[in-house]
Amino acid sequence: MPWEPVQRVLDTLEIYSEEKWPNAFYDGQRLILFEWVDYYVKSSLEFEIHGLEIKKIADRYKFRYSNYVGLSEIRLEDGRAIPILVLSRKVGKILGISDSEKCLSSDSIDELIDAFDTLVGSLIGELVKISSTIPFSLKSPTDFSTTESDEPINELFAYHYLRSNGERITSAFETVIRRMKRKLIVEDEWLRPDEIDNITPETLLSIAQHPEYLAPAGEGVLIAEHLNGYAPTRILGFRKYESFDTPENRFAKYFLGLLIEWSERVIDSFWNNRAANVGSIREILGELEFIASDGVWDDVGDMDLFPYTSQTLLKGDGYRDLLELYREFTAYVPFFEEMKRAIDNKDIAKLYEYWAFFRLVEELGGILGEKKLKIHVLPAGELSEKGDVYAEFDNGWRLYYNKRLVPKKWSYSVTLRPDFSLFTGDPKRKDTTLVGVFDAKFKLDVVNEAKGVEEFDEETEIAEKTGNYETWAKLEDVYKMHTYRDALSAKFAVVLYPGGRNVFFEANKGKVERFVLEEVLVGELSGVGYLRIVPEVKE
């Protein structure tokens, strides 16, 4: 069924806009809507759209997708759901794929969907490709306030975890096998008299208390003289042996199985993604399976209780490394959770933000030094609800992702959370300074700050609707980025956007055309600007 302009989607639901062109299309299975369009719904059933505010106006409902392009759905109270793909008329224009500013036909809807899929595919492909070339350091929790889960967040996290820790994992398991802890097992058992090698009071009592094991004895049996001519055929004895079935080894076996399972899931998820190097994951899987084939695991049972207090697990060679690796593996890391959610929802704005972070890390590495470049990912805890994610360069500078910049320490009055913040070192040190900030979403998110001026909001919305990203970036420069830079006392504040050119507004001097990033970092440029950064689009 071709895409058709619709009002009635189901027998219980009608949807429309009041603009001059149709803005809702349906092919019998999926509904196509557009961002920055006010939609009105008449429905005999209650419904909800996750993440959206729905206003009741007389006998109809009103909602709008603001600055969101991706997957959504209308969920009705009777359990039915209508899948939605939210598109933007700008997508084709941004990438030079199509011009979708006119009234849309069924063919142009297909063209716009192709443009959307192309952009999403390019962002995800480049996101995986770039991130797979940069070393990761996934930190383990340092205290018990850190949130942990039974399993890692998703295949994307497991991919980076395995790729970054393969050598540590195999080394820890090899150490455990070489120095595997045993425990002495003492079991009572009814033995023949000639099998008894140790006489205890319990041994003598078992003879007296179990006459069923006594039998008439011939002459010359000394013990029979004390048992009215009888001698024991079975005596309670104790068999001693060493076993590998300890709580610590059960944990090691459980973790080994978990790593094998997730290695297989990663390979299944990324095998057809050329950007992901699953060859390294296959190598790790092969090594893990070889370790699992060792016969020592045959005597080890399944883990039923986690031995948190075990001194062997906390301090033993190999075991303490496995515990640290396990805590890293199961730590709650919102960075990867939100990235996976953006991929699943095909959320272009969020995907662009993640891709821009890795792309910026790559570019900064070429300027600040990349021999020791590594992205550090710290789990969430009491001190950081989202954890800390930062890239550290050879000169000691750090680029933080979505870091809160609190008043007194960094900001004059309000808490700010730019997309990316560049520091001269560890922000906890007194001698560290904030060099500059980048915003890949074209918006400055201010925590607990009042809304901006109405006129600015109107101009911003117009820029969004028209698809003029250059106008949007300039609005951000004028109304927000100067305030941003001044509030943080930063050298620069730069918008990363999918526009056509780079422009920088130097403080007290004027506009500089065609600037490059290096001029801002190590040169004399100081002010605000917007930097073109567009993913490579592959047909």
Protein backbone atom coordinates (compact mmCIF):
# COMPACT_ATOMS: atom_id res chain seq x y z
CA MET A 1 0.00 0.00 0.00
CA PRO A 2 1.52 3.37 -1.01
CA TRP A 3 1.83 6.28 1.38
CA GLU A 4 -1.40 8.26 1.47
CA PRO A 5 -2.30 11.49 3.27
CA VAL A 6 -4.64 10.47 6.09
CA GLN A 7 -6.85 11.76 8.79
CA ARG A 8 -8.47 8.56 10.02
CA VAL A 9 -5.84 5.98 10.98
CA LEU A 10 -8.03 3.57 12.93
CA ASP A 11 -11.77 3.36 13.44
CA THR A 12 -11.19 4.96 16.83
CA LEU A 13 -8.55 7.58 15.96
CA GLU A 14 -8.35 10.58 13.65
CA ILE A 15 -5.19 12.71 13.28
CA TYR A 16 -4.59 15.92 11.30
CA SER A 17 -2.74 19.24 11.26
CA GLU A 18 -4.01 22.72 10.41
CA GLU A 19 -1.22 23.54 7.96
CA LYS A 20 -1.84 23.96 4.24
CA TRP A 21 -0.06 20.72 3.28
CA PRO A 22 -0.76 17.17 4.48
CA ASN A 23 1.56 16.25 7.33
CA ALA A 24 0.36 12.76 8.21
CA PHE A 25 0.84 9.77 5.92
CA TYR A 26 -0.11 6.13 6.45
CA ASP A 27 0.58 2.91 4.54
CA GLY A 28 -1.63 0.64 6.61
CA GLN A 29 1.16 -0.32 9.00
CA ARG A 30 3.15 2.76 9.97
CA LEU A 31 2.29 6.41 10.44
CA ILE A 32 4.61 9.13 9.12
CA LEU A 33 4.61 12.42 11.06
CA PHE A 34 6.94 15.44 11.07
CA GLU A 35 8.75 17.38 13.76
CA TRP A 36 7.66 20.95 14.59
CA VAL A 37 4.10 20.31 13.38
CA ASP A 38 1.11 20.72 15.69
CA TYR A 39 -1.05 17.59 15.41
CA TYR A 40 -4.63 17.25 16.56
CA VAL A 41 -6.19 13.92 17.48
CA LYS A 42 -9.78 12.86 17.96
CA SER A 43 -10.05 9.49 19.62
CA SER A 44 -12.75 7.56 21.43
CA LEU A 45 -10.00 5.82 23.42
CA GLU A 46 -7.43 7.23 25.79
CA PHE A 47 -3.89 7.12 24.39
CA GLU A 48 -0.32 8.10 25.24
CA ILE A 49 2.90 8.88 23.40
CA HIS A 50 6.01 8.21 25.45
CA GLY A 51 7.99 11.36 26.20
CA LEU A 52 5.40 13.78 24.80
CA GLU A 53 3.04 16.17 26.53
CA ILE A 54 -0.49 15.77 25.17
CA LYS A 55 -2.89 18.65 25.78
CA LYS A 56 -6.67 18.25 25.90
CA ILE A 57 -8.43 21.03 23.94
CA ALA A 58 -12.22 20.71 23.94
CA ASP A 59 -13.02 17.43 22.15
CA ARG A 60 -9.54 16.87 20.72
CA TYR A 61 -5.92 16.41 21.78
CA LYS A 62 -2.85 18.34 20.67
CA PHE A 63 0.82 17.28 20.58
CA ARG A 64 4.04 18.12 18.77
CA TYR A 65 7.48 16.55 18.28
CA SER A 66 10.01 19.30 19.00
CA ASN A 67 13.54 18.73 17.78
CA TYR A 68 13.02 14.96 17.53
CA VAL A 69 13.42 12.75 14.49
CA GLY A 70 13.15 9.00 14.97
CA LEU A 71 10.82 6.19 16.05
CA SER A 72 7.79 6.65 18.25
CA GLU A 73 4.34 5.15 18.74
CA ILE A 74 0.80 5.93 19.82
CA ARG A 75 -0.32 3.43 22.47
CA LEU A 76 -4.07 3.08 22.94
CA GLU A 77 -5.75 2.04 26.17
CA ASP A 78 -7.06 -1.17 24.55
CA GLY A 79 -3.47 -2.36 24.06
CA ARG A 80 -3.12 -1.54 20.37
CA ALA A 81 -0.15 0.51 19.19
CA ILE A 82 0.44 2.57 16.05
CA PRO A 83 4.13 2.68 15.02
CA ILE A 84 5.31 6.17 14.07
CA LEU A 85 8.31 7.39 12.13
CA VAL A 86 8.94 11.06 12.87
CA LEU A 87 10.70 12.72 9.94
CA SER A 88 12.10 16.15 9.23
CA ARG A 89 11.70 18.00 5.97
CA LYS A 90 15.28 19.17 6.48
CA VAL A 91 16.97 15.75 6.44
CA GLY A 92 17.28 15.46 2.70
CA LYS A 93 18.31 19.09 2.39
CA ILE A 94 21.05 18.80 5.04
CA LEU A 95 22.65 15.84 3.29
CA GLY A 96 22.06 17.09 -0.23
CA ILE A 97 20.01 13.98 -0.93
CA SER A 98 16.68 15.64 -1.69
CA ASP A 99 14.82 18.90 -1.34
CA SER A 100 11.74 18.22 0.73
CA GLU A 101 10.45 21.73 1.26
CA LYS A 102 7.45 21.34 -1.02
CA CYS A 103 4.14 19.55 -0.71
CA LEU A 104 4.99 15.88 -0.30
CA SER A 105 3.70 13.12 -2.55
CA SER A 106 3.83 9.38 -1.94
CA ASP A 107 7.05 9.18 -3.95
CA SER A 108 8.65 12.04 -2.04
CA ILE A 109 7.74 10.34 1.25
CA ASP A 110 9.67 7.27 0.10
CA GLU A 111 12.54 9.54 -0.91
CA LEU A 112 12.53 11.23 2.49
CA ILE A 113 12.44 7.88 4.30
CA ASP A 114 15.42 6.77 2.22
CA ALA A 115 17.23 9.98 3.19
CA PHE A 116 16.40 9.34 6.84
CA ASP A 117 17.61 5.73 6.67
CA THR A 118 20.77 6.87 4.89
CA LEU A 119 21.54 9.44 7.57
CA VAL A 120 20.81 7.03 10.43
CA GLY A 121 22.89 4.31 8.79
CA SER A 122 25.77 6.71 8.26
CA LEU A 123 25.65 7.99 11.84
CA ILE A 124 25.51 4.51 13.37
CA GLY A 125 28.16 3.14 11.02
CA GLU A 126 30.56 6.00 11.66
CA LEU A 127 29.76 5.94 15.38
CA VAL A 128 30.78 2.29 15.63
CA LYS A 129 33.72 2.74 13.28
CA ILE A 130 35.29 5.71 15.08
CA SER A 131 34.57 4.43 18.58
CA SER A 132 36.10 1.04 17.74
CA THR A 133 39.44 2.67 16.85
CA ILE A 134 39.79 4.54 20.17
CA PRO A 135 40.93 2.62 23.28
CA PHE A 136 38.41 2.56 26.15
CA SER A 137 39.06 2.36 29.87
CA LEU A 138 35.93 1.10 31.63
CA LYS A 139 36.48 1.87 35.30
CA SER A 140 35.27 -0.43 38.06
CA PRO A 141 33.17 0.91 40.95
CA THR A 142 35.26 2.24 43.85
CA ASP A 143 32.56 1.99 46.50
CA PHE A 144 29.29 0.25 47.21
CA SER A 145 27.23 3.34 46.38
CA THR A 146 27.74 2.58 42.72
CA THR A 147 24.75 1.03 41.00
CA GLU A 148 25.29 -2.47 39.65
CA SER A 149 23.08 -4.75 37.58
CA ASP A 150 23.17 -8.51 37.04
CA GLU A 151 24.24 -8.06 33.43
CA PRO A 152 25.88 -5.38 31.29
CA ILE A 153 23.64 -2.78 29.72
CA ASN A 154 23.65 -4.03 26.14
CA GLU A 155 25.66 -5.49 23.26
CA LEU A 156 27.25 -2.13 22.47
CA PHE A 157 28.71 -1.87 25.97
CA ALA A 158 29.79 -5.53 25.89
CA TYR A 159 31.52 -4.93 22.54
CA HIS A 160 33.69 -2.12 23.93
CA TYR A 161 34.23 -3.95 27.22
CA LEU A 162 35.50 -7.13 25.55
CA ARG A 163 37.57 -5.24 23.00
CA SER A 164 39.23 -3.18 25.73
CA ASN A 165 39.77 -5.95 28.30
CA GLY A 166 40.46 -9.13 26.36
CA GLU A 167 44.03 -9.53 27.61
CA ARG A 168 43.09 -8.76 31.23
CA ILE A 169 40.28 -11.31 31.11
CA THR A 170 42.31 -14.21 29.74
CA SER A 171 45.26 -13.42 32.02
CA ALA A 172 43.03 -13.44 35.12
CA PHE A 173 41.41 -16.77 34.23
CA GLU A 174 44.78 -18.37 33.42
CA THR A 175 46.09 -17.25 36.83
CA VAL A 176 43.03 -18.69 38.57
CA ILE A 177 43.45 -22.06 36.83
CA ARG A 178 47.15 -22.23 37.76
CA ARG A 179 46.47 -21.30 41.38
CA MET A 180 42.94 -22.55 41.78
CA LYS A 181 41.84 -22.65 45.39
CA ARG A 182 40.83 -25.99 46.88
CA LYS A 183 38.97 -26.88 50.01
CA LEU A 184 39.39 -29.96 52.20
CA ILE A 185 36.30 -32.14 52.19
CA VAL A 186 35.76 -34.48 55.14
CA GLU A 187 32.88 -36.91 54.63
CA ASP A 188 31.72 -39.62 57.01
CA GLU A 189 31.25 -43.00 55.38
CA TRP A 190 30.73 -46.61 56.44
CA LEU A 191 34.01 -48.34 55.65
CA ARG A 192 35.47 -51.83 55.96
CA PRO A 193 37.69 -52.22 59.05
CA ASP A 194 40.80 -52.47 56.85
CA GLU A 195 39.97 -49.07 55.27
CA ILE A 196 40.06 -47.23 58.58
CA ASP A 197 43.26 -45.22 58.99
CA ASN A 198 42.26 -43.02 61.91
CA ILE A 199 40.49 -44.09 65.11
CA THR A 200 38.35 -41.44 66.82
CA PRO A 201 35.77 -41.57 69.63
CA GLU A 202 33.07 -41.41 66.94
CA THR A 203 34.57 -44.54 65.40
CA LEU A 204 34.17 -46.49 68.65
CA LEU A 205 30.66 -45.17 69.25
CA SER A 206 29.57 -46.24 65.77
CA ILE A 207 30.55 -49.83 66.60
CA ALA A 208 28.55 -49.85 69.83
CA GLN A 209 25.51 -48.03 68.46
CA HIS A 210 25.08 -50.04 65.23
CA PRO A 211 24.83 -53.74 66.05
CA GLU A 212 23.43 -54.42 62.57
CA TYR A 213 27.01 -54.19 61.31
CA LEU A 214 28.29 -56.82 63.78
CA ALA A 215 28.89 -60.43 62.74
CA PRO A 216 30.25 -63.54 64.52
CA ALA A 217 34.04 -63.56 64.45
CA GLY A 218 36.46 -66.44 64.42
CA GLU A 219 39.23 -67.08 66.86
CA GLY A 220 42.13 -64.64 67.04
CA VAL A 221 40.09 -61.47 66.43
CA LEU A 222 41.06 -59.26 69.32
CA ILE A 223 38.11 -56.89 69.15
CA ALA A 224 35.70 -59.83 69.35
CA GLU A 225 36.88 -60.47 72.89
CA HIS A 226 35.24 -57.19 73.91
CA LEU A 227 32.06 -57.68 71.81
CA ASN A 228 30.92 -61.12 72.94
CA GLY A 229 32.53 -62.85 69.97
CA TYR A 230 31.32 -60.37 67.37
CA ALA A 231 33.34 -58.08 65.08
CA PRO A 232 32.20 -55.07 63.00
CA THR A 233 31.85 -55.49 59.23
CA ARG A 234 31.39 -51.74 58.74
CA ILE A 235 32.78 -48.90 60.82
CA LEU A 236 31.99 -45.18 60.56
CA GLY A 237 35.07 -43.51 59.15
CA PHE A 238 36.00 -40.24 57.53
CA ARG A 239 37.19 -39.83 53.96
CA LYS A 240 39.26 -36.70 53.23
CA TYR A 241 39.95 -35.21 49.83
CA GLU A 242 40.47 -31.81 48.14
CA SER A 243 37.79 -30.27 45.92
CA PHE A 244 37.69 -27.34 43.48
CA ASP A 245 34.00 -26.76 44.26
CA THR A 246 34.42 -23.55 46.28
CA PRO A 247 32.22 -20.41 46.27
CA GLU A 248 35.07 -18.46 44.63
CA ASN A 249 35.47 -21.01 41.84
CA ARG A 250 31.71 -21.10 41.31
CA PHE A 251 31.85 -17.34 40.82
CA ALA A 252 34.72 -17.69 38.32
CA LYS A 253 32.79 -20.36 36.40
CA TYR A 254 29.66 -18.19 36.36
CA PHE A 255 31.55 -15.14 35.10
CA LEU A 256 33.28 -17.24 32.42
CA GLY A 257 29.91 -18.45 31.14
CA LEU A 258 28.55 -14.90 31.20
CA LEU A 259 31.47 -13.62 29.09
CA ILE A 260 31.06 -16.44 26.57
CA GLU A 261 27.34 -15.72 26.27
CA TRP A 262 27.87 -11.99 25.71
CA SER A 263 30.71 -12.58 23.25
CA GLU A 264 28.30 -14.65 21.16
CA ARG A 265 25.60 -11.98 21.44
CA VAL A 266 28.03 -9.26 20.35
CA ILE A 267 29.09 -11.28 17.31
CA ASP A 268 25.45 -11.97 16.40
CA SER A 269 24.63 -8.25 16.70
CA PHE A 270 27.62 -6.85 14.80
CA TRP A 271 28.61 -9.57 12.33
CA ASN A 272 27.12 -7.69 9.36
CA ASN A 273 28.43 -4.27 10.47
CA ARG A 274 31.63 -3.69 8.54
CA ALA A 275 32.63 -0.83 10.81
CA ALA A 276 32.80 -3.11 13.86
CA ASN A 277 35.86 -5.30 14.21
CA VAL A 278 34.21 -8.50 15.43
CA GLY A 279 37.35 -10.45 14.54
CA SER A 280 38.88 -9.40 17.85
CA ILE A 281 35.72 -10.53 19.67
CA ARG A 282 35.90 -13.91 17.92
CA GLU A 283 39.48 -14.29 19.13
CA ILE A 284 38.43 -13.52 22.70
CA LEU A 285 35.52 -15.97 22.41
CA GLY A 286 37.90 -18.68 21.21
CA GLU A 287 40.21 -18.09 24.17
CA LEU A 288 37.31 -18.13 26.62
CA GLU A 289 35.95 -21.37 25.18
CA PHE A 290 39.42 -22.93 25.46
CA ILE A 291 39.58 -21.91 29.13
CA ALA A 292 36.08 -23.32 29.69
CA SER A 293 37.16 -26.68 28.22
CA ASP A 294 39.65 -27.26 31.06
CA GLY A 295 38.64 -30.25 33.17
CA VAL A 296 39.01 -28.35 36.45
CA TRP A 297 35.58 -26.82 35.90
CA ASP A 298 33.89 -30.25 35.84
CA ASP A 299 33.97 -30.47 39.65
CA VAL A 300 32.77 -26.89 40.13
CA GLY A 301 29.05 -26.41 40.72
CA ASP A 302 26.76 -23.52 39.81
CA MET A 303 26.87 -20.26 41.78
CA ASP A 304 23.84 -19.76 44.02
CA LEU A 305 25.18 -17.04 46.34
CA PHE A 306 27.67 -14.32 45.44
CA PRO A 307 30.71 -14.56 47.79
CA TYR A 308 31.13 -10.81 48.33
CA THR A 309 32.94 -11.21 51.64
CA SER A 310 35.37 -13.92 50.52
CA GLN A 311 38.97 -12.96 51.26
CA THR A 312 40.09 -15.21 48.41
CA LEU A 313 37.89 -13.25 46.01
CA LEU A 314 39.00 -9.91 47.42
CA LYS A 315 42.73 -10.63 47.65
CA GLY A 316 43.61 -13.89 45.86
CA ASP A 317 45.79 -13.84 42.75
CA GLY A 318 43.57 -13.87 39.69
CA TYR A 319 40.38 -13.85 41.75
CA ARG A 320 40.61 -10.18 42.72
CA ASP A 321 41.17 -9.35 39.03
CA LEU A 322 38.07 -11.32 38.06
CA LEU A 323 36.04 -9.53 40.74
CA GLU A 324 37.19 -6.15 39.43
CA LEU A 325 36.42 -7.16 35.85
CA TYR A 326 33.00 -8.42 36.91
CA ARG A 327 32.16 -5.15 38.68
CA GLU A 328 33.22 -3.23 35.58
CA PHE A 329 31.06 -5.52 33.45
CA THR A 330 27.92 -5.11 35.56
CA ALA A 331 28.31 -1.46 36.56
CA TYR A 332 25.50 0.85 35.48
CA VAL A 333 26.90 3.00 32.66
CA PRO A 334 24.24 5.40 31.31
CA PHE A 335 26.57 6.49 28.48
CA PHE A 336 26.15 3.17 26.69
CA GLU A 337 22.54 2.68 27.75
CA GLU A 338 21.50 6.00 26.22
CA MET A 339 23.62 5.39 23.13
CA LYS A 340 21.90 2.04 22.55
CA ARG A 341 18.49 3.66 23.10
CA ALA A 342 19.34 6.32 20.51
CA ILE A 343 20.32 3.60 18.04
CA ASP A 344 17.17 1.58 18.69
CA ASN A 345 14.93 4.65 18.35
CA LYS A 346 16.91 6.05 15.40
CA ASP A 347 17.01 9.33 17.32
CA ILE A 348 19.00 11.49 14.89
CA ALA A 349 19.65 14.38 17.30
CA LYS A 350 21.09 12.05 19.94
CA LEU A 351 23.00 9.94 17.41
CA TYR A 352 24.52 13.12 15.99
CA GLU A 353 25.57 14.15 19.49
CA TYR A 354 27.31 10.83 20.18
CA TRP A 355 28.91 10.75 16.75
CA ALA A 356 30.10 14.36 17.14
CA PHE A 357 31.75 13.45 20.45
CA PHE A 358 33.81 10.64 18.93
CA ARG A 359 34.54 12.70 15.82
CA LEU A 360 35.69 15.61 17.98
CA VAL A 361 37.88 13.28 20.07
CA GLU A 362 39.45 12.06 16.84
CA GLU A 363 40.16 15.60 15.62
CA LEU A 364 41.45 16.80 18.98
CA GLY A 365 43.72 13.78 19.15
CA GLY A 366 45.39 14.91 15.95
CA ILE A 367 46.06 18.32 17.51
CA LEU A 368 46.74 17.52 21.18
CA GLY A 369 48.38 14.12 20.76
CA GLU A 370 46.83 10.69 20.35
CA LYS A 371 49.57 8.18 21.21
CA LYS A 372 48.15 7.77 24.73
CA LEU A 373 44.60 8.75 23.77
CA LYS A 374 41.98 6.84 25.72
CA ILE A 375 38.30 7.32 26.54
CA HIS A 376 37.58 6.75 30.23
CA VAL A 377 34.08 5.62 31.22
CA LEU A 378 33.22 5.75 34.92
CA PRO A 379 30.00 4.17 36.24
CA ALA A 380 27.14 6.11 37.79
CA GLY A 381 27.06 6.51 41.57
CA GLU A 382 26.04 8.89 44.33
CA LEU A 383 28.45 11.60 43.22
CA SER A 384 27.57 11.37 39.53
CA GLU A 385 24.12 10.30 38.40
CA LYS A 386 25.35 9.76 34.85
CA GLY A 387 28.96 8.81 35.53
CA ASP A 388 31.96 10.56 34.01
CA VAL A 389 32.98 10.04 30.39
CA TYR A 390 36.06 11.78 29.08
CA ALA A 391 38.86 11.47 26.54
CA GLU A 392 42.39 12.16 27.76
CA PHE A 393 45.04 13.36 25.30
CA ASP A 394 48.84 13.20 25.32
CA ASN A 395 49.21 16.74 26.71
CA GLY A 396 46.95 15.92 29.67
CA TRP A 397 43.90 17.82 28.39
CA ARG A 398 40.50 16.18 28.81
CA LEU A 399 37.30 16.40 26.77
CA TYR A 400 34.27 15.57 28.93
CA TYR A 401 30.92 14.38 27.65
CA ASN A 402 27.87 16.08 29.16
CA LYS A 403 29.60 17.17 32.37
CA ARG A 404 27.75 19.27 34.95
CA LEU A 405 29.52 22.58 35.53
CA VAL A 406 28.31 23.79 38.90
CA PRO A 407 28.19 27.37 40.27
CA LYS A 408 31.20 28.78 42.17
CA LYS A 409 33.47 26.08 40.76
CA TRP A 410 32.92 26.78 37.04
CA SER A 411 29.80 28.88 36.45
CA TYR A 412 28.86 32.27 37.89
CA SER A 413 25.31 31.49 38.96
CA VAL A 414 23.60 28.49 37.36
CA THR A 415 24.53 24.87 36.71
CA LEU A 416 25.38 24.31 33.07
CA ARG A 417 25.69 21.05 31.17
CA PRO A 418 27.29 21.60 27.76
CA ASP A 419 27.55 18.64 25.44
CA PHE A 420 31.36 18.63 25.53
CA SER A 421 33.76 20.53 27.82
CA LEU A 422 37.52 20.82 27.24
CA PHE A 423 39.77 21.11 30.33
CA THR A 424 43.54 21.46 30.74
CA GLY A 425 43.55 18.44 33.08
CA ASP A 426 41.58 16.80 35.85
CA PRO A 427 38.72 19.19 36.83
CA LYS A 428 39.17 18.16 40.48
CA ARG A 429 42.59 19.81 40.59
CA LYS A 430 42.79 23.49 41.51
CA ASP A 431 45.20 24.37 38.70
CA THR A 432 42.90 22.97 35.99
CA THR A 433 41.12 25.49 33.77
CA LEU A 434 38.18 25.22 31.39
CA VAL A 435 39.41 25.96 27.86
CA GLY A 436 36.14 25.89 25.96
CA VAL A 437 32.84 24.15 25.32
CA PHE A 438 31.09 22.58 22.34
CA ASP A 439 27.38 22.10 21.75
CA ALA A 440 26.40 19.50 19.16
CA LYS A 441 22.65 19.85 19.69
CA PHE A 442 22.50 23.50 18.80
CA LYS A 443 20.95 24.22 22.18
CA LEU A 444 22.39 25.20 25.55
CA ASP A 445 20.86 23.10 28.30
CA VAL A 446 20.72 25.07 31.54
CA VAL A 447 19.69 23.20 34.66
CA ASN A 448 16.97 25.00 36.66
CA GLU A 449 17.18 28.10 34.51
CA ALA A 450 14.11 30.05 33.40
CA LYS A 451 13.03 29.84 29.79
CA GLY A 452 14.60 32.17 27.30
CA VAL A 453 13.07 35.26 25.80
CA GLU A 454 9.88 34.59 23.82
CA GLU A 455 11.26 36.32 20.77
CA PHE A 456 14.27 34.01 20.75
CA ASP A 457 12.01 30.96 21.02
CA GLU A 458 9.95 32.15 18.06
CA GLU A 459 13.01 32.77 15.89
CA THR A 460 14.46 29.41 16.87
CA GLU A 461 11.26 27.62 15.95
CA ILE A 462 11.14 29.41 12.59
CA ALA A 463 14.72 28.36 11.92
CA GLU A 464 13.81 24.77 12.76
CA LYS A 465 10.75 24.72 10.52
CA THR A 466 12.51 26.26 7.54
CA GLY A 467 15.46 23.93 7.86
CA ASN A 468 17.93 26.83 7.88
CA TYR A 469 20.57 25.32 10.13
CA GLU A 470 22.93 28.21 9.52
CA THR A 471 20.30 30.61 10.82
CA TRP A 472 19.76 28.37 13.82
CA ALA A 473 23.49 28.30 14.63
CA LYS A 474 23.72 32.08 14.32
CA LEU A 475 20.77 32.47 16.68
CA GLU A 476 22.57 30.27 19.16
CA ASP A 477 25.72 32.36 18.75
CA VAL A 478 23.96 35.62 19.36
CA TYR A 479 21.54 34.69 22.12
CA LYS A 480 23.18 31.84 23.95
CA MET A 481 26.82 31.16 23.14
CA HIS A 482 28.08 34.56 24.28
CA THR A 483 26.26 34.06 27.58
CA TYR A 484 27.62 30.55 27.71
CA ARG A 485 31.23 31.66 27.22
CA ASP A 486 30.95 34.55 29.67
CA ALA A 487 29.27 32.50 32.41
CA LEU A 488 32.03 29.89 32.26
CA SER A 489 34.94 32.27 31.62
CA ALA A 490 35.90 30.01 28.71
CA LYS A 491 38.13 30.93 25.81
CA PHE A 492 35.54 29.77 23.28
CA ALA A 493 32.05 28.34 22.87
CA VAL A 494 31.49 26.55 19.57
CA VAL A 495 28.36 25.04 18.02
CA LEU A 496 28.86 21.84 16.02
CA TYR A 497 26.21 21.69 13.32
CA PRO A 498 25.44 20.04 9.95
CA GLY A 499 25.64 23.31 8.01
CA GLY A 500 27.63 24.52 5.05
CA ARG A 501 30.56 26.52 6.45
CA ASN A 502 32.63 27.49 9.50
CA VAL A 503 32.34 30.97 10.97
CA PHE A 504 33.87 32.38 14.16
CA PHE A 505 32.95 35.61 15.94
CA GLU A 506 36.14 36.79 17.61
CA ALA A 507 35.70 38.72 20.85
CA ASN A 508 35.67 42.50 20.22
CA LYS A 509 37.06 42.08 16.69
CA GLY A 510 34.50 40.69 14.30
CA LYS A 511 33.73 37.71 12.11
CA VAL A 512 36.39 35.25 10.94
CA GLU A 513 35.49 33.11 7.94
CA ARG A 514 36.75 29.58 7.35
CA PHE A 515 38.45 29.02 10.67
CA VAL A 516 39.72 25.59 11.71
CA LEU A 517 39.63 23.95 15.11
CA GLU A 518 43.39 24.18 15.69
CA GLU A 519 43.26 27.98 15.44
CA VAL A 520 40.88 28.09 18.41
CA LEU A 521 42.77 25.57 20.53
CA VAL A 522 46.37 26.73 20.15
CA GLY A 523 45.96 30.03 18.30
CA GLU A 524 44.81 33.46 19.34
CA LEU A 525 41.12 33.13 18.43
CA SER A 526 38.76 33.76 21.33
CA GLY A 527 34.98 34.05 21.12
CA VAL A 528 32.07 32.03 19.75
CA GLY A 529 31.51 30.26 16.47
CA TYR A 530 29.90 27.43 14.59
CA LEU A 531 31.80 24.55 13.09
CA ARG A 532 30.53 22.40 10.25
CA ILE A 533 30.66 18.71 11.11
CA VAL A 534 28.73 16.30 8.88
CA PRO A 535 28.97 12.49 8.78
CA GLU A 536 30.07 10.85 5.57
CA VAL A 537 27.00 9.66 3.70
CA LYS A 538 27.33 6.38 1.83
CA GLU A 539 24.62 5.37 -0.56
